[in-house]
Amino acid sequence: MYFATISAPRLVSAVGALALLAAPALAQTPARTAAQSAACQPVFAALDKVMSLPTHLYSTLDPGEGKETRHIESIYAGGAIYQKEKGGWEKMKVTTIEAANQERENRTKTKPSCEFIKEENVDGKPANLYRVLTKTSTDTTSTQVWIARTKGTLVKQEIDIDGGNSGKMHYSVKYEYDNVEAPKL
């Protein structure tokens, strides 16, 4: 997911072009790094599909500290990213290709910590649940990622960001792929 209108540095580092997969490589053995990499492959593949398939995202951001909850819709279609918050739709300057490239670059800079948790149904659809831990110099992000077992697409995410002194946030994101078209601007 790409939140172009949310510009807080800690949010961009944690979610950005779905940069929730960055964790330090410190104190990791080669065997552990390889196992983590393998555990992250389904998550990476699902992230790539979001940028390459027509996708409609429904996101809720609870910024904490008594701030107003935000509801954001995004559509990825035809190589473009569209976003709506409160008002009408607007086309973002970044393309899905640029966002996907940024996501892939983020993966090469750091090592994720991914773990398969269990099989679970989401809205009646079979999914695999993964936990992804992201640590940066300013944030710790714990994400639960549900991936459809039949299609390998993201179904849902629950993202908790702890920015230390800058506070905590929570995101909920639901993904839909059927009948998705670019919105009328």
C-alpha atoms as a PDB file:
ATOM      1  CA  MET A   1       0.000   0.000   0.000  1.00  0.00           C
ATOM      2  CA  TYR A   2       1.245   3.440  -0.720  1.00  0.00           C
ATOM      3  CA  PHE A   3       0.141   6.346   1.477  1.00  0.00           C
ATOM      4  CA  ALA A   4       1.299   9.337  -0.528  1.00  0.00           C
ATOM      5  CA  THR A   5      -0.629  11.851   1.577  1.00  0.00           C
ATOM      6  CA  ILE A   6       0.861  10.676   4.871  1.00  0.00           C
ATOM      7  CA  SER A   7       4.205  12.358   5.057  1.00  0.00           C
ATOM      8  CA  ALA A   8       5.382  11.734   8.624  1.00  0.00           C
ATOM      9  CA  PRO A   9       8.929  10.340   8.316  1.00  0.00           C
ATOM     10  CA  ARG A  10       8.261   7.481  10.704  1.00  0.00           C
ATOM     11  CA  LEU A  11       5.172   6.464   8.770  1.00  0.00           C
ATOM     12  CA  VAL A  12       6.930   6.578   5.434  1.00  0.00           C
ATOM     13  CA  SER A  13       9.764   4.485   6.816  1.00  0.00           C
ATOM     14  CA  ALA A  14       7.347   1.959   8.255  1.00  0.00           C
ATOM     15  CA  VAL A  15       4.700   1.810   5.543  1.00  0.00           C
ATOM     16  CA  GLY A  16       5.866   3.957   2.616  1.00  0.00           C
ATOM     17  CA  ALA A  17       5.619   1.889  -0.550  1.00  0.00           C
ATOM     18  CA  LEU A  18       4.723  -0.946   1.790  1.00  0.00           C
ATOM     19  CA  ALA A  19       8.126  -0.846   3.402  1.00  0.00           C
ATOM     20  CA  LEU A  20       6.985  -2.875   6.354  1.00  0.00           C
ATOM     21  CA  LEU A  21       9.600  -5.485   5.623  1.00  0.00           C
ATOM     22  CA  ALA A  22      12.771  -3.879   6.893  1.00  0.00           C
ATOM     23  CA  ALA A  23      14.538  -5.283   9.940  1.00  0.00           C
ATOM     24  CA  PRO A  24      18.181  -5.031  10.989  1.00  0.00           C
ATOM     25  CA  ALA A  25      20.541  -7.764   9.902  1.00  0.00           C
ATOM     26  CA  LEU A  26      22.472  -7.530  13.164  1.00  0.00           C
ATOM     27  CA  ALA A  27      23.069 -10.722  15.149  1.00  0.00           C
ATOM     28  CA  GLN A  28      21.699 -13.003  12.450  1.00  0.00           C
ATOM     29  CA  THR A  29      23.387 -16.222  11.459  1.00  0.00           C
ATOM     30  CA  PRO A  30      23.472 -17.145   7.740  1.00  0.00           C
ATOM     31  CA  ALA A  31      21.075 -20.063   8.394  1.00  0.00           C
ATOM     32  CA  ARG A  32      18.639 -17.811  10.226  1.00  0.00           C
ATOM     33  CA  THR A  33      18.851 -15.166   7.490  1.00  0.00           C
ATOM     34  CA  ALA A  34      18.132 -17.798   4.815  1.00  0.00           C
ATOM     35  CA  ALA A  35      15.155 -19.129   6.801  1.00  0.00           C
ATOM     36  CA  GLN A  36      13.782 -15.603   7.241  1.00  0.00           C
ATOM     37  CA  SER A  37      14.246 -14.894   3.567  1.00  0.00           C
ATOM     38  CA  ALA A  38      12.329 -18.047   2.648  1.00  0.00           C
ATOM     39  CA  ALA A  39       9.550 -17.175   5.113  1.00  0.00           C
ATOM     40  CA  CYS A  40       9.275 -13.722   3.521  1.00  0.00           C
ATOM     41  CA  GLN A  41       9.000 -14.932  -0.086  1.00  0.00           C
ATOM     42  CA  PRO A  42       5.190 -15.378  -0.011  1.00  0.00           C
ATOM     43  CA  VAL A  43       4.872 -11.933   1.570  1.00  0.00           C
ATOM     44  CA  PHE A  44       7.150 -10.346  -1.049  1.00  0.00           C
ATOM     45  CA  ALA A  45       5.276 -12.072  -3.879  1.00  0.00           C
ATOM     46  CA  ALA A  46       1.936 -10.836  -2.516  1.00  0.00           C
ATOM     47  CA  LEU A  47       3.295  -7.276  -2.214  1.00  0.00           C
ATOM     48  CA  ASP A  48       4.456  -7.402  -5.822  1.00  0.00           C
ATOM     49  CA  LYS A  49       0.997  -8.552  -6.936  1.00  0.00           C
ATOM     50  CA  VAL A  50      -0.652  -5.551  -5.262  1.00  0.00           C
ATOM     51  CA  MET A  51       1.320  -3.251  -7.544  1.00  0.00           C
ATOM     52  CA  SER A  52       0.726  -5.311 -10.679  1.00  0.00           C
ATOM     53  CA  LEU A  53      -2.984  -6.149 -10.350  1.00  0.00           C
ATOM     54  CA  PRO A  54      -5.930  -3.762 -10.245  1.00  0.00           C
ATOM     55  CA  THR A  55      -6.370  -3.453  -6.474  1.00  0.00           C
ATOM     56  CA  HIS A  56      -8.725  -1.509  -4.213  1.00  0.00           C
ATOM     57  CA  LEU A  57      -7.428  -0.857  -0.696  1.00  0.00           C
ATOM     58  CA  TYR A  58      -9.557   0.230   2.241  1.00  0.00           C
ATOM     59  CA  SER A  59      -7.346   1.580   5.021  1.00  0.00           C
ATOM     60  CA  THR A  60      -8.035   2.854   8.508  1.00  0.00           C
ATOM     61  CA  LEU A  61      -5.312   4.718  10.369  1.00  0.00           C
ATOM     62  CA  ASP A  62      -5.536   5.292  14.091  1.00  0.00           C
ATOM     63  CA  PRO A  63      -2.717   7.786  14.718  1.00  0.00           C
ATOM     64  CA  GLY A  64      -3.103   7.478  18.496  1.00  0.00           C
ATOM     65  CA  GLU A  65      -2.679  10.242  21.051  1.00  0.00           C
ATOM     66  CA  GLY A  66      -6.356  11.247  20.708  1.00  0.00           C
ATOM     67  CA  LYS A  67      -5.938  12.239  17.056  1.00  0.00           C
ATOM     68  CA  GLU A  68      -8.743  11.662  14.565  1.00  0.00           C
ATOM     69  CA  THR A  69      -8.931   8.262  12.893  1.00  0.00           C
ATOM     70  CA  ARG A  70      -8.389   8.487   9.142  1.00  0.00           C
ATOM     71  CA  HIS A  71     -10.113   6.418   6.462  1.00  0.00           C
ATOM     72  CA  ILE A  72      -8.221   6.223   3.179  1.00  0.00           C
ATOM     73  CA  GLU A  73      -9.111   4.408  -0.027  1.00  0.00           C
ATOM     74  CA  SER A  74      -6.536   3.667  -2.686  1.00  0.00           C
ATOM     75  CA  ILE A  75      -6.872   2.130  -6.127  1.00  0.00           C
ATOM     76  CA  TYR A  76      -3.982   0.745  -8.143  1.00  0.00           C
ATOM     77  CA  ALA A  77      -5.055   0.436 -11.775  1.00  0.00           C
ATOM     78  CA  GLY A  78      -3.451   0.921 -15.170  1.00  0.00           C
ATOM     79  CA  GLY A  79      -0.054   1.685 -13.628  1.00  0.00           C
ATOM     80  CA  ALA A  80      -1.454   4.608 -11.608  1.00  0.00           C
ATOM     81  CA  ILE A  81      -2.209   5.074  -7.927  1.00  0.00           C
ATOM     82  CA  TYR A  82      -5.364   6.922  -6.915  1.00  0.00           C
ATOM     83  CA  GLN A  83      -6.232   7.976  -3.413  1.00  0.00           C
ATOM     84  CA  LYS A  84      -9.308   9.294  -1.659  1.00  0.00           C
ATOM     85  CA  GLU A  85      -9.509  10.702   1.824  1.00  0.00           C
ATOM     86  CA  LYS A  86     -12.621  12.681   2.809  1.00  0.00           C
ATOM     87  CA  GLY A  87     -13.039  14.372  -0.594  1.00  0.00           C
ATOM     88  CA  GLY A  88     -12.850  13.027  -4.106  1.00  0.00           C
ATOM     89  CA  TRP A  89     -10.280  10.866  -5.789  1.00  0.00           C
ATOM     90  CA  GLU A  90      -6.900  12.211  -6.851  1.00  0.00           C
ATOM     91  CA  LYS A  91      -4.158  10.669  -8.936  1.00  0.00           C
ATOM     92  CA  MET A  92      -0.829  10.380  -7.140  1.00  0.00           C
ATOM     93  CA  LYS A  93       2.392  11.506  -8.782  1.00  0.00           C
ATOM     94  CA  VAL A  94       4.094   8.159  -8.126  1.00  0.00           C
ATOM     95  CA  THR A  95       3.216   5.224 -10.396  1.00  0.00           C
ATOM     96  CA  THR A  96       2.754   1.609  -9.358  1.00  0.00           C
ATOM     97  CA  ILE A  97       6.073   0.793 -11.054  1.00  0.00           C
ATOM     98  CA  GLU A  98       7.887   3.467  -9.046  1.00  0.00           C
ATOM     99  CA  ALA A  99       6.234   2.308  -5.818  1.00  0.00           C
ATOM    100  CA  ALA A 100       7.092  -1.335  -6.569  1.00  0.00           C
ATOM    101  CA  ASN A 101      10.705  -0.415  -7.359  1.00  0.00           C
ATOM    102  CA  GLN A 102      10.949   1.526  -4.091  1.00  0.00           C
ATOM    103  CA  GLU A 103       9.543  -1.470  -2.195  1.00  0.00           C
ATOM    104  CA  ARG A 104      12.085  -3.807  -3.812  1.00  0.00           C
ATOM    105  CA  GLU A 105      14.919  -1.378  -3.047  1.00  0.00           C
ATOM    106  CA  ASN A 106      13.820  -1.276   0.595  1.00  0.00           C
ATOM    107  CA  ARG A 107      14.026  -5.084   0.701  1.00  0.00           C
ATOM    108  CA  THR A 108      17.644  -5.079  -0.485  1.00  0.00           C
ATOM    109  CA  LYS A 109      18.737  -2.571   2.151  1.00  0.00           C
ATOM    110  CA  THR A 110      17.574  -4.538   5.189  1.00  0.00           C
ATOM    111  CA  LYS A 111      16.599  -8.077   6.187  1.00  0.00           C
ATOM    112  CA  PRO A 112      12.991  -8.780   7.206  1.00  0.00           C
ATOM    113  CA  SER A 113      11.878 -11.000  10.002  1.00  0.00           C
ATOM    114  CA  CYS A 114       8.916 -13.038   8.719  1.00  0.00           C
ATOM    115  CA  GLU A 115       7.151 -15.962  10.298  1.00  0.00           C
ATOM    116  CA  PHE A 116       4.289 -18.141   9.092  1.00  0.00           C
ATOM    117  CA  ILE A 117       1.723 -18.276  11.897  1.00  0.00           C
ATOM    118  CA  LYS A 118      -1.231 -20.384  10.727  1.00  0.00           C
ATOM    119  CA  GLU A 119      -3.921 -21.022   8.165  1.00  0.00           C
ATOM    120  CA  GLU A 120      -7.045 -18.963   8.801  1.00  0.00           C
ATOM    121  CA  ASN A 121     -10.188 -17.884   6.941  1.00  0.00           C
ATOM    122  CA  VAL A 122     -10.732 -14.185   6.260  1.00  0.00           C
ATOM    123  CA  ASP A 123     -14.233 -13.276   5.144  1.00  0.00           C
ATOM    124  CA  GLY A 124     -14.797 -16.955   4.373  1.00  0.00           C
ATOM    125  CA  LYS A 125     -11.685 -17.224   2.187  1.00  0.00           C
ATOM    126  CA  PRO A 126      -8.733 -19.465   3.104  1.00  0.00           C
ATOM    127  CA  ALA A 127      -5.605 -17.474   3.904  1.00  0.00           C
ATOM    128  CA  ASN A 128      -2.151 -17.911   5.390  1.00  0.00           C
ATOM    129  CA  LEU A 129      -1.261 -15.585   8.243  1.00  0.00           C
ATOM    130  CA  TYR A 130       2.285 -14.242   8.517  1.00  0.00           C
ATOM    131  CA  ARG A 131       3.882 -11.997  11.106  1.00  0.00           C
ATOM    132  CA  VAL A 132       6.437  -9.488   9.840  1.00  0.00           C
ATOM    133  CA  LEU A 133       8.685  -7.565  12.206  1.00  0.00           C
ATOM    134  CA  THR A 134      10.325  -4.365  11.028  1.00  0.00           C
ATOM    135  CA  LYS A 135      12.906  -2.425  12.997  1.00  0.00           C
ATOM    136  CA  THR A 136      14.496   0.816  11.921  1.00  0.00           C
ATOM    137  CA  SER A 137      16.499   3.363  13.882  1.00  0.00           C
ATOM    138  CA  THR A 138      13.250   5.179  14.766  1.00  0.00           C
ATOM    139  CA  ASP A 139      10.447   2.573  14.635  1.00  0.00           C
ATOM    140  CA  THR A 140       9.373  -0.923  15.421  1.00  0.00           C
ATOM    141  CA  THR A 141       6.551  -2.230  13.271  1.00  0.00           C
ATOM    142  CA  SER A 142       4.712  -5.467  13.882  1.00  0.00           C
ATOM    143  CA  THR A 143       2.468  -6.540  11.027  1.00  0.00           C
ATOM    144  CA  GLN A 144       0.053  -9.387  10.571  1.00  0.00           C
ATOM    145  CA  VAL A 145      -0.342 -10.203   6.869  1.00  0.00           C
ATOM    146  CA  TRP A 146      -3.069 -12.479   5.498  1.00  0.00           C
ATOM    147  CA  ILE A 147      -2.363 -13.934   2.039  1.00  0.00           C
ATOM    148  CA  ALA A 148      -5.004 -15.784   0.014  1.00  0.00           C
ATOM    149  CA  ARG A 149      -3.962 -19.416  -0.291  1.00  0.00           C
ATOM    150  CA  THR A 150      -5.433 -19.867  -3.768  1.00  0.00           C
ATOM    151  CA  LYS A 151      -4.182 -16.690  -5.466  1.00  0.00           C
ATOM    152  CA  GLY A 152      -1.258 -15.559  -3.323  1.00  0.00           C
ATOM    153  CA  THR A 153      -2.726 -12.050  -3.024  1.00  0.00           C
ATOM    154  CA  LEU A 154      -2.892  -9.860   0.056  1.00  0.00           C
ATOM    155  CA  VAL A 155      -6.249 -10.093   1.792  1.00  0.00           C
ATOM    156  CA  LYS A 156      -5.719  -8.030   4.913  1.00  0.00           C
ATOM    157  CA  GLN A 157      -3.069  -6.410   7.090  1.00  0.00           C
ATOM    158  CA  GLU A 158      -2.975  -5.198  10.678  1.00  0.00           C
ATOM    159  CA  ILE A 159       0.011  -2.908  11.228  1.00  0.00           C
ATOM    160  CA  ASP A 160       1.190  -1.615  14.613  1.00  0.00           C
ATOM    161  CA  ILE A 161       3.887   1.056  14.567  1.00  0.00           C
ATOM    162  CA  ASP A 162       5.768   2.048  17.705  1.00  0.00           C
ATOM    163  CA  GLY A 163       7.719   5.210  17.039  1.00  0.00           C
ATOM    164  CA  GLY A 164       9.154   5.467  20.542  1.00  0.00           C
ATOM    165  CA  ASN A 165       8.943   9.087  21.650  1.00  0.00           C
ATOM    166  CA  SER A 166       6.863   9.989  18.586  1.00  0.00           C
ATOM    167  CA  GLY A 167       4.036   7.639  19.633  1.00  0.00           C
ATOM    168  CA  LYS A 168       2.155   4.648  18.348  1.00  0.00           C
ATOM    169  CA  MET A 169      -0.144   4.126  15.342  1.00  0.00           C
ATOM    170  CA  HIS A 170      -2.328   1.323  14.064  1.00  0.00           C
ATOM    171  CA  TYR A 171      -3.397   0.562  10.465  1.00  0.00           C
ATOM    172  CA  SER A 172      -5.984  -1.867   9.212  1.00  0.00           C
ATOM    173  CA  VAL A 173      -5.955  -2.547   5.477  1.00  0.00           C
ATOM    174  CA  LYS A 174      -8.344  -4.676   3.431  1.00  0.00           C
ATOM    175  CA  TYR A 175      -7.603  -5.566  -0.214  1.00  0.00           C
ATOM    176  CA  GLU A 176     -10.093  -6.268  -3.012  1.00  0.00           C
ATOM    177  CA  TYR A 177      -9.290  -7.322  -6.579  1.00  0.00           C
ATOM    178  CA  ASP A 178     -12.644  -7.971  -8.300  1.00  0.00           C
ATOM    179  CA  ASN A 179     -14.089  -5.362 -10.658  1.00  0.00           C
ATOM    180  CA  VAL A 180     -11.427  -2.739  -9.832  1.00  0.00           C
ATOM    181  CA  GLU A 181     -11.139   0.174 -12.273  1.00  0.00           C
ATOM    182  CA  ALA A 182      -9.518   3.587 -12.137  1.00  0.00           C
ATOM    183  CA  PRO A 183     -11.888   6.045 -10.448  1.00  0.00           C
ATOM    184  CA  LYS A 184     -13.447   8.972 -12.263  1.00  0.00           C
ATOM    185  CA  LEU A 185     -11.572  12.132 -11.321  1.00  0.00           C
END
